[in-house]
């Protein structure tokens, strides 16, 4: 991994708030020319510091999906079984976030569905049909108080 300097961090701060900010505006804010900002952004993408340029959608405009936080406990800690489960979670569009964690459970998932029937079918696909899932616990979100979309910059 290449080291980032103070100007790289400043560019990343601006882009993660609004990646549509022009290179000229970024340059004006941090004291670089637009071409210098462009070169740095290209390098940040190539090195993997910027993973993706995406649009963050408002769920209310898409039928207000239900957010469910799921804790999953696995039967066995065998690497092959854990990796297979990770891949299944990655490939499932309703799984918005997946964390492999320490503690009493093995995974914490953030799932978005449009109906409880959809969630019921998903539980069969992800949990009941996976012999390595010991148990899972679902918590339905009543209100999205805060969604973090930025990474703290050192």
N, C-alpha and C. Protein backbone atom coordinates (compact mmCIF):
# COMPACT_ATOMS: atom_id res chain seq x y z
N UNK A 1 0.84 -1.19 0.00
CA UNK A 1 0.00 0.00 0.00
C UNK A 1 0.88 1.25 0.00
N UNK A 2 0.51 2.17 -0.85
CA UNK A 2 1.22 3.44 -0.91
C UNK A 2 0.75 4.34 0.23
N UNK A 3 1.66 5.15 0.72
CA UNK A 3 1.32 6.09 1.78
C UNK A 3 0.53 7.26 1.20
N UNK A 4 -0.38 7.78 1.99
CA UNK A 4 -1.15 8.96 1.62
C UNK A 4 -0.55 10.16 2.33
N UNK A 5 -0.55 11.31 1.65
CA UNK A 5 -0.07 12.52 2.31
C UNK A 5 -1.26 13.40 2.69
N UNK A 6 -0.96 14.54 3.29
CA UNK A 6 -2.01 15.44 3.80
C UNK A 6 -2.95 15.91 2.69
N UNK A 7 -2.43 16.15 1.48
CA UNK A 7 -3.28 16.60 0.38
C UNK A 7 -4.22 15.47 -0.08
N UNK A 8 -3.71 14.24 -0.09
CA UNK A 8 -4.57 13.09 -0.43
C UNK A 8 -5.73 13.00 0.56
N UNK A 9 -5.44 13.15 1.84
CA UNK A 9 -6.49 13.09 2.86
C UNK A 9 -7.51 14.20 2.66
N UNK A 10 -7.05 15.38 2.32
CA UNK A 10 -7.97 16.50 2.09
C UNK A 10 -8.88 16.22 0.89
N UNK A 11 -8.30 15.67 -0.17
CA UNK A 11 -9.10 15.30 -1.35
C UNK A 11 -10.15 14.26 -0.96
N UNK A 12 -9.75 13.25 -0.22
CA UNK A 12 -10.68 12.20 0.20
C UNK A 12 -11.80 12.75 1.08
N UNK A 13 -11.47 13.70 1.95
CA UNK A 13 -12.51 14.32 2.79
C UNK A 13 -13.57 14.99 1.92
N UNK A 14 -13.14 15.73 0.91
CA UNK A 14 -14.08 16.43 0.03
C UNK A 14 -14.90 15.42 -0.76
N UNK A 15 -14.24 14.43 -1.35
CA UNK A 15 -14.93 13.49 -2.23
C UNK A 15 -15.94 12.62 -1.50
N UNK A 16 -15.67 12.25 -0.26
CA UNK A 16 -16.63 11.38 0.41
C UNK A 16 -17.86 12.13 0.90
N UNK A 17 -17.79 13.45 0.93
CA UNK A 17 -18.99 14.24 1.21
C UNK A 17 -19.78 14.45 -0.07
N UNK A 18 -19.06 14.75 -1.18
CA UNK A 18 -19.72 14.94 -2.48
C UNK A 18 -18.71 14.65 -3.59
N UNK A 19 -18.81 13.45 -4.17
CA UNK A 19 -17.84 13.09 -5.20
C UNK A 19 -18.12 13.77 -6.54
N UNK A 20 -19.12 14.63 -6.58
CA UNK A 20 -19.39 15.42 -7.78
C UNK A 20 -18.70 16.80 -7.71
N UNK A 21 -17.99 17.06 -6.62
CA UNK A 21 -17.26 18.33 -6.49
C UNK A 21 -16.23 18.41 -7.61
N UNK A 22 -16.19 19.53 -8.30
CA UNK A 22 -15.26 19.66 -9.43
C UNK A 22 -13.82 19.67 -8.93
N UNK A 23 -12.94 19.22 -9.80
CA UNK A 23 -11.52 19.22 -9.46
C UNK A 23 -11.00 20.63 -9.23
N UNK A 24 -11.55 21.59 -9.94
CA UNK A 24 -11.17 22.99 -9.73
C UNK A 24 -11.56 23.44 -8.32
N UNK A 25 -12.80 23.10 -7.89
CA UNK A 25 -13.24 23.49 -6.55
C UNK A 25 -12.40 22.80 -5.46
N UNK A 26 -12.09 21.53 -5.68
CA UNK A 26 -11.23 20.83 -4.72
C UNK A 26 -9.87 21.51 -4.65
N UNK A 27 -9.31 21.80 -5.82
CA UNK A 27 -8.01 22.48 -5.88
C UNK A 27 -8.03 23.82 -5.16
N UNK A 28 -9.10 24.58 -5.36
CA UNK A 28 -9.22 25.89 -4.67
C UNK A 28 -9.25 25.70 -3.15
N UNK A 29 -9.92 24.65 -2.69
CA UNK A 29 -10.03 24.41 -1.25
C UNK A 29 -8.71 23.99 -0.61
N UNK A 30 -7.91 23.23 -1.37
CA UNK A 30 -6.71 22.66 -0.75
C UNK A 30 -5.40 23.22 -1.29
N UNK A 31 -5.48 24.14 -2.26
CA UNK A 31 -4.27 24.78 -2.75
C UNK A 31 -3.52 24.01 -3.83
N UNK A 32 -4.25 23.31 -4.69
CA UNK A 32 -3.64 22.61 -5.83
C UNK A 32 -4.34 23.03 -7.11
N UNK A 33 -3.68 22.80 -8.24
CA UNK A 33 -4.32 23.04 -9.53
C UNK A 33 -5.28 21.89 -9.82
N UNK A 34 -6.26 22.15 -10.70
CA UNK A 34 -7.22 21.10 -11.09
C UNK A 34 -6.51 19.89 -11.69
N UNK A 35 -5.50 20.07 -12.59
CA UNK A 35 -4.79 18.88 -13.12
C UNK A 35 -4.07 18.08 -12.04
N UNK A 36 -3.51 18.76 -11.03
CA UNK A 36 -2.84 18.05 -9.94
C UNK A 36 -3.85 17.24 -9.12
N UNK A 37 -5.03 17.82 -8.90
CA UNK A 37 -6.10 17.10 -8.20
C UNK A 37 -6.53 15.89 -9.01
N UNK A 38 -6.68 16.07 -10.32
CA UNK A 38 -7.08 14.96 -11.18
C UNK A 38 -6.08 13.81 -11.11
N UNK A 39 -4.79 14.13 -11.19
CA UNK A 39 -3.76 13.08 -11.12
C UNK A 39 -3.84 12.33 -9.80
N UNK A 40 -4.04 13.08 -8.72
CA UNK A 40 -4.13 12.44 -7.41
C UNK A 40 -5.37 11.55 -7.30
N UNK A 41 -6.49 12.02 -7.83
CA UNK A 41 -7.72 11.21 -7.77
C UNK A 41 -7.55 9.92 -8.57
N UNK A 42 -6.95 10.02 -9.74
CA UNK A 42 -6.69 8.82 -10.54
C UNK A 42 -5.82 7.85 -9.75
N UNK A 43 -4.76 8.37 -9.12
CA UNK A 43 -3.86 7.52 -8.32
C UNK A 43 -4.60 6.91 -7.13
N UNK A 44 -5.44 7.69 -6.46
CA UNK A 44 -6.21 7.17 -5.32
C UNK A 44 -7.16 6.05 -5.74
N UNK A 45 -7.73 6.17 -6.93
CA UNK A 45 -8.59 5.09 -7.45
C UNK A 45 -7.76 3.86 -7.78
N UNK A 46 -6.64 4.06 -8.48
CA UNK A 46 -5.79 2.94 -8.89
C UNK A 46 -5.25 2.17 -7.70
N UNK A 47 -4.89 2.88 -6.63
CA UNK A 47 -4.31 2.22 -5.47
C UNK A 47 -5.37 1.62 -4.54
N UNK A 48 -6.64 1.91 -4.79
CA UNK A 48 -7.72 1.32 -4.00
C UNK A 48 -8.18 2.15 -2.82
N UNK A 49 -7.64 3.36 -2.64
CA UNK A 49 -8.10 4.22 -1.55
C UNK A 49 -9.54 4.66 -1.80
N UNK A 50 -9.90 4.84 -3.07
CA UNK A 50 -11.29 5.10 -3.47
C UNK A 50 -11.80 3.80 -4.08
N UNK A 51 -12.78 3.18 -3.41
CA UNK A 51 -13.31 1.90 -3.88
C UNK A 51 -14.32 2.06 -5.00
N UNK A 52 -15.18 3.09 -4.89
CA UNK A 52 -16.25 3.23 -5.87
C UNK A 52 -16.79 4.66 -5.85
N UNK A 53 -17.34 5.07 -6.96
CA UNK A 53 -18.07 6.32 -7.07
C UNK A 53 -19.53 5.94 -7.23
N UNK A 54 -20.34 6.21 -6.21
CA UNK A 54 -21.72 5.73 -6.20
C UNK A 54 -22.69 6.85 -5.88
N UNK A 55 -23.96 6.59 -6.16
CA UNK A 55 -25.03 7.48 -5.73
C UNK A 55 -25.68 6.85 -4.50
N UNK A 56 -25.87 7.63 -3.46
CA UNK A 56 -26.54 7.16 -2.26
C UNK A 56 -28.02 7.49 -2.42
N UNK A 57 -28.83 6.45 -2.50
CA UNK A 57 -30.26 6.61 -2.77
C UNK A 57 -31.06 6.81 -1.49
N UNK A 58 -32.15 7.52 -1.60
CA UNK A 58 -33.06 7.73 -0.49
C UNK A 58 -34.09 6.60 -0.51
N UNK A 59 -34.08 5.73 0.51
CA UNK A 59 -34.99 4.59 0.51
C UNK A 59 -36.46 4.97 0.45
N UNK A 60 -36.82 6.15 0.94
CA UNK A 60 -38.23 6.57 0.93
C UNK A 60 -38.76 6.70 -0.50
N UNK A 61 -37.90 7.00 -1.45
CA UNK A 61 -38.32 7.11 -2.85
C UNK A 61 -38.42 5.76 -3.53
N UNK A 62 -37.99 4.72 -2.83
CA UNK A 62 -37.97 3.38 -3.41
C UNK A 62 -38.90 2.43 -2.66
N UNK A 63 -39.92 2.97 -2.06
CA UNK A 63 -40.91 2.13 -1.39
C UNK A 63 -40.60 1.85 0.07
N UNK A 64 -39.77 2.67 0.69
CA UNK A 64 -39.44 2.54 2.11
C UNK A 64 -39.15 1.10 2.55
N UNK A 65 -38.02 0.57 2.12
CA UNK A 65 -37.71 -0.80 2.53
C UNK A 65 -37.56 -0.92 4.04
N UNK A 66 -37.75 -2.13 4.52
CA UNK A 66 -37.61 -2.45 5.94
C UNK A 66 -36.14 -2.79 6.19
N UNK A 67 -35.55 -2.16 7.20
CA UNK A 67 -34.17 -2.45 7.57
C UNK A 67 -34.17 -3.42 8.73
N UNK A 68 -33.42 -4.50 8.57
CA UNK A 68 -33.35 -5.55 9.59
C UNK A 68 -31.88 -5.79 9.94
N UNK A 69 -31.59 -5.77 11.23
CA UNK A 69 -30.25 -6.09 11.71
C UNK A 69 -30.31 -7.55 12.20
N UNK A 70 -29.43 -8.37 11.64
CA UNK A 70 -29.46 -9.80 11.94
C UNK A 70 -28.13 -10.24 12.54
N UNK A 71 -28.21 -10.91 13.68
CA UNK A 71 -27.03 -11.51 14.29
C UNK A 71 -27.06 -13.00 13.96
N UNK A 72 -25.94 -13.50 13.45
CA UNK A 72 -25.88 -14.90 13.00
C UNK A 72 -24.78 -15.62 13.77
N UNK A 73 -25.16 -16.74 14.36
CA UNK A 73 -24.19 -17.59 15.06
C UNK A 73 -24.00 -18.87 14.24
N UNK A 74 -22.74 -19.19 14.00
CA UNK A 74 -22.42 -20.36 13.19
C UNK A 74 -22.25 -21.59 14.08
N UNK A 75 -22.47 -22.75 13.50
CA UNK A 75 -22.34 -24.03 14.21
C UNK A 75 -20.86 -24.35 14.44
N UNK A 76 -20.05 -24.19 13.40
CA UNK A 76 -18.62 -24.54 13.46
C UNK A 76 -17.78 -23.41 12.90
N UNK A 77 -16.57 -23.28 13.41
CA UNK A 77 -15.66 -22.23 12.95
C UNK A 77 -14.67 -22.75 11.92
N UNK A 78 -15.13 -23.58 11.02
CA UNK A 78 -14.26 -24.11 9.97
C UNK A 78 -14.13 -23.06 8.86
N UNK A 79 -12.90 -22.80 8.46
CA UNK A 79 -12.61 -21.73 7.50
C UNK A 79 -13.41 -21.90 6.21
N UNK A 80 -13.46 -23.09 5.68
CA UNK A 80 -14.17 -23.31 4.41
C UNK A 80 -15.65 -22.98 4.55
N UNK A 81 -16.26 -23.36 5.66
CA UNK A 81 -17.69 -23.07 5.88
C UNK A 81 -17.93 -21.58 6.09
N UNK A 82 -17.05 -20.95 6.83
CA UNK A 82 -17.17 -19.50 7.05
C UNK A 82 -17.04 -18.77 5.72
N UNK A 83 -16.04 -19.14 4.91
CA UNK A 83 -15.82 -18.49 3.61
C UNK A 83 -17.00 -18.70 2.67
N UNK A 84 -17.57 -19.89 2.68
CA UNK A 84 -18.75 -20.16 1.85
C UNK A 84 -19.92 -19.28 2.27
N UNK A 85 -20.10 -19.11 3.58
CA UNK A 85 -21.18 -18.26 4.10
C UNK A 85 -20.92 -16.80 3.76
N UNK A 86 -19.67 -16.35 3.90
CA UNK A 86 -19.33 -14.97 3.52
C UNK A 86 -19.69 -14.72 2.06
N UNK A 87 -19.35 -15.64 1.20
CA UNK A 87 -19.62 -15.48 -0.23
C UNK A 87 -21.11 -15.43 -0.50
N UNK A 88 -21.88 -16.27 0.17
CA UNK A 88 -23.34 -16.25 0.01
C UNK A 88 -23.91 -14.90 0.43
N UNK A 89 -23.45 -14.36 1.55
CA UNK A 89 -23.92 -13.05 2.01
C UNK A 89 -23.52 -11.96 1.01
N UNK A 90 -22.30 -12.03 0.48
CA UNK A 90 -21.84 -11.04 -0.51
C UNK A 90 -22.71 -11.04 -1.75
N UNK A 91 -23.15 -12.21 -2.18
CA UNK A 91 -23.91 -12.35 -3.42
C UNK A 91 -25.40 -12.05 -3.27
N UNK A 92 -25.87 -11.80 -2.06
CA UNK A 92 -27.29 -11.57 -1.81
C UNK A 92 -27.56 -10.07 -1.81
N UNK A 93 -28.33 -9.57 -2.80
CA UNK A 93 -28.55 -8.12 -2.92
C UNK A 93 -29.20 -7.47 -1.70
N UNK A 94 -30.04 -8.20 -0.99
CA UNK A 94 -30.72 -7.63 0.17
C UNK A 94 -29.76 -7.40 1.34
N UNK A 95 -28.64 -8.11 1.35
CA UNK A 95 -27.63 -7.91 2.39
C UNK A 95 -26.82 -6.68 2.01
N UNK A 96 -27.08 -5.59 2.71
CA UNK A 96 -26.42 -4.32 2.41
C UNK A 96 -25.05 -4.23 3.05
N UNK A 97 -24.93 -4.78 4.25
CA UNK A 97 -23.66 -4.78 4.97
C UNK A 97 -23.51 -6.13 5.65
N UNK A 98 -22.28 -6.61 5.71
CA UNK A 98 -22.00 -7.88 6.37
C UNK A 98 -20.70 -7.72 7.14
N UNK A 99 -20.74 -8.01 8.42
CA UNK A 99 -19.57 -7.92 9.28
C UNK A 99 -19.30 -9.29 9.89
N UNK A 100 -18.10 -9.79 9.73
CA UNK A 100 -17.63 -10.99 10.40
C UNK A 100 -17.00 -10.50 11.69
N UNK A 101 -17.57 -10.87 12.84
CA UNK A 101 -17.22 -10.22 14.11
C UNK A 101 -16.75 -11.21 15.16
N UNK A 102 -16.16 -10.67 16.22
CA UNK A 102 -15.82 -11.47 17.38
C UNK A 102 -16.95 -11.36 18.39
N UNK A 103 -16.94 -12.24 19.36
CA UNK A 103 -17.96 -12.18 20.41
C UNK A 103 -18.92 -13.34 20.35
N UNK A 104 -20.12 -13.13 20.82
CA UNK A 104 -21.11 -14.20 20.93
C UNK A 104 -21.68 -14.64 19.59
N UNK A 105 -21.67 -13.75 18.60
CA UNK A 105 -22.16 -14.11 17.27
C UNK A 105 -21.00 -14.01 16.29
N UNK A 106 -21.20 -14.58 15.11
CA UNK A 106 -20.14 -14.60 14.11
C UNK A 106 -20.32 -13.54 13.02
N UNK A 107 -21.57 -13.23 12.69
CA UNK A 107 -21.85 -12.24 11.66
C UNK A 107 -22.91 -11.27 12.15
N UNK A 108 -22.79 -10.04 11.71
CA UNK A 108 -23.88 -9.07 11.86
C UNK A 108 -24.20 -8.57 10.45
N UNK A 109 -25.45 -8.68 10.07
CA UNK A 109 -25.90 -8.29 8.73
C UNK A 109 -26.88 -7.12 8.84
N UNK A 110 -26.81 -6.24 7.86
CA UNK A 110 -27.84 -5.21 7.68
C UNK A 110 -28.55 -5.60 6.39
N UNK A 111 -29.83 -5.88 6.50
CA UNK A 111 -30.62 -6.38 5.38
C UNK A 111 -31.74 -5.40 5.08
N UNK A 112 -31.99 -5.16 3.80
CA UNK A 112 -33.13 -4.35 3.37
C UNK A 112 -34.06 -5.20 2.53
N UNK A 113 -35.34 -5.21 2.91
CA UNK A 113 -36.38 -5.91 2.17
C UNK A 113 -37.59 -5.00 2.06
N UNK A 114 -38.48 -5.31 1.13
CA UNK A 114 -39.69 -4.49 0.97
C UNK A 114 -40.88 -5.02 1.75
N UNK A 115 -40.86 -6.32 2.06
CA UNK A 115 -41.97 -6.90 2.82
C UNK A 115 -41.41 -7.94 3.79
N UNK A 116 -42.19 -8.25 4.80
CA UNK A 116 -41.78 -9.30 5.73
C UNK A 116 -41.83 -10.68 5.05
N UNK A 117 -42.70 -10.83 4.07
CA UNK A 117 -42.74 -12.09 3.32
C UNK A 117 -41.41 -12.29 2.58
N UNK A 118 -40.89 -11.21 2.00
CA UNK A 118 -39.60 -11.30 1.34
C UNK A 118 -38.52 -11.69 2.34
N UNK A 119 -38.58 -11.13 3.55
CA UNK A 119 -37.60 -11.48 4.57
C UNK A 119 -37.75 -12.94 5.00
N UNK A 120 -38.98 -13.40 5.13
CA UNK A 120 -39.20 -14.80 5.50
C UNK A 120 -38.55 -15.73 4.48
N UNK A 121 -38.75 -15.45 3.20
CA UNK A 121 -38.14 -16.29 2.15
C UNK A 121 -36.62 -16.20 2.21
N UNK A 122 -36.12 -15.01 2.48
CA UNK A 122 -34.67 -14.81 2.58
C UNK A 122 -34.08 -15.59 3.76
N UNK A 123 -34.81 -15.65 4.88
CA UNK A 123 -34.31 -16.42 6.03
C UNK A 123 -34.15 -17.90 5.68
N UNK A 124 -35.04 -18.41 4.86
CA UNK A 124 -34.91 -19.81 4.43
C UNK A 124 -33.67 -19.99 3.57
N UNK A 125 -33.49 -19.07 2.64
CA UNK A 125 -32.35 -19.14 1.72
C UNK A 125 -31.01 -18.99 2.45
N UNK A 126 -30.92 -18.02 3.36
CA UNK A 126 -29.64 -17.70 4.00
C UNK A 126 -29.36 -18.49 5.27
N UNK A 127 -30.39 -18.79 6.04
CA UNK A 127 -30.16 -19.34 7.37
C UNK A 127 -30.67 -20.77 7.54
N UNK A 128 -31.95 -20.99 7.29
CA UNK A 128 -32.51 -22.32 7.52
C UNK A 128 -31.92 -23.37 6.60
N UNK A 129 -31.57 -22.99 5.37
CA UNK A 129 -30.99 -23.93 4.41
C UNK A 129 -29.48 -24.04 4.52
N UNK A 130 -28.88 -23.33 5.48
CA UNK A 130 -27.43 -23.42 5.69
C UNK A 130 -27.20 -24.25 6.96
N UNK A 131 -26.72 -25.49 6.81
CA UNK A 131 -26.56 -26.35 7.98
C UNK A 131 -25.53 -25.83 8.99
N UNK A 132 -24.70 -24.87 8.59
CA UNK A 132 -23.71 -24.35 9.51
C UNK A 132 -24.23 -23.15 10.31
N UNK A 133 -25.44 -22.69 10.04
CA UNK A 133 -26.03 -21.61 10.85
C UNK A 133 -26.72 -22.25 12.05
N UNK A 134 -26.20 -21.92 13.22
CA UNK A 134 -26.75 -22.47 14.46
C UNK A 134 -28.04 -21.75 14.84
N UNK A 135 -27.97 -20.40 14.81
CA UNK A 135 -29.16 -19.60 15.11
C UNK A 135 -28.95 -18.19 14.56
N UNK A 136 -30.04 -17.48 14.42
CA UNK A 136 -29.98 -16.07 14.02
C UNK A 136 -31.04 -15.31 14.78
N UNK A 137 -30.76 -14.02 14.99
CA UNK A 137 -31.67 -13.15 15.73
C UNK A 137 -31.88 -11.90 14.91
N UNK A 138 -33.14 -11.55 14.67
CA UNK A 138 -33.49 -10.40 13.84
C UNK A 138 -34.01 -9.25 14.70
N UNK A 139 -33.56 -8.05 14.38
CA UNK A 139 -34.09 -6.83 15.00
C UNK A 139 -34.55 -5.91 13.87
N UNK A 140 -35.81 -5.49 13.93
CA UNK A 140 -36.38 -4.63 12.90
C UNK A 140 -36.13 -3.17 13.30
N UNK A 141 -35.57 -2.40 12.38
CA UNK A 141 -35.31 -0.99 12.64
C UNK A 141 -36.61 -0.20 12.59
N UNK A 142 -36.86 0.60 13.61
CA UNK A 142 -38.05 1.46 13.62
C UNK A 142 -37.75 2.83 13.05
N UNK A 143 -36.48 3.27 13.15
CA UNK A 143 -36.11 4.59 12.66
C UNK A 143 -34.63 4.59 12.34
N UNK A 144 -34.28 5.17 11.20
CA UNK A 144 -32.89 5.31 10.82
C UNK A 144 -32.40 6.64 11.37
N UNK A 145 -31.77 6.61 12.53
CA UNK A 145 -31.35 7.82 13.23
C UNK A 145 -30.12 8.43 12.56
N UNK A 146 -29.18 7.59 12.16
CA UNK A 146 -27.96 8.06 11.50
C UNK A 146 -27.40 6.94 10.64
N UNK A 147 -27.00 7.31 9.45
CA UNK A 147 -26.31 6.37 8.57
C UNK A 147 -24.97 7.00 8.24
N UNK A 148 -23.90 6.34 8.64
CA UNK A 148 -22.57 6.87 8.36
C UNK A 148 -22.15 6.54 6.94
N UNK A 149 -21.83 7.55 6.19
CA UNK A 149 -21.39 7.36 4.81
C UNK A 149 -19.95 7.80 4.60
N UNK A 150 -19.32 8.26 5.68
CA UNK A 150 -17.95 8.74 5.56
C UNK A 150 -17.03 7.95 6.48
N UNK A 151 -15.78 7.84 6.06
CA UNK A 151 -14.76 7.20 6.88
C UNK A 151 -13.98 8.32 7.56
N UNK A 152 -13.78 8.24 8.88
CA UNK A 152 -12.99 9.27 9.54
C UNK A 152 -11.58 9.34 8.95
N UNK A 153 -11.13 10.53 8.63
CA UNK A 153 -9.82 10.75 8.04
C UNK A 153 -8.84 11.04 9.17
N UNK A 154 -7.69 10.32 9.18
CA UNK A 154 -6.71 10.56 10.26
C UNK A 154 -6.10 11.95 10.18
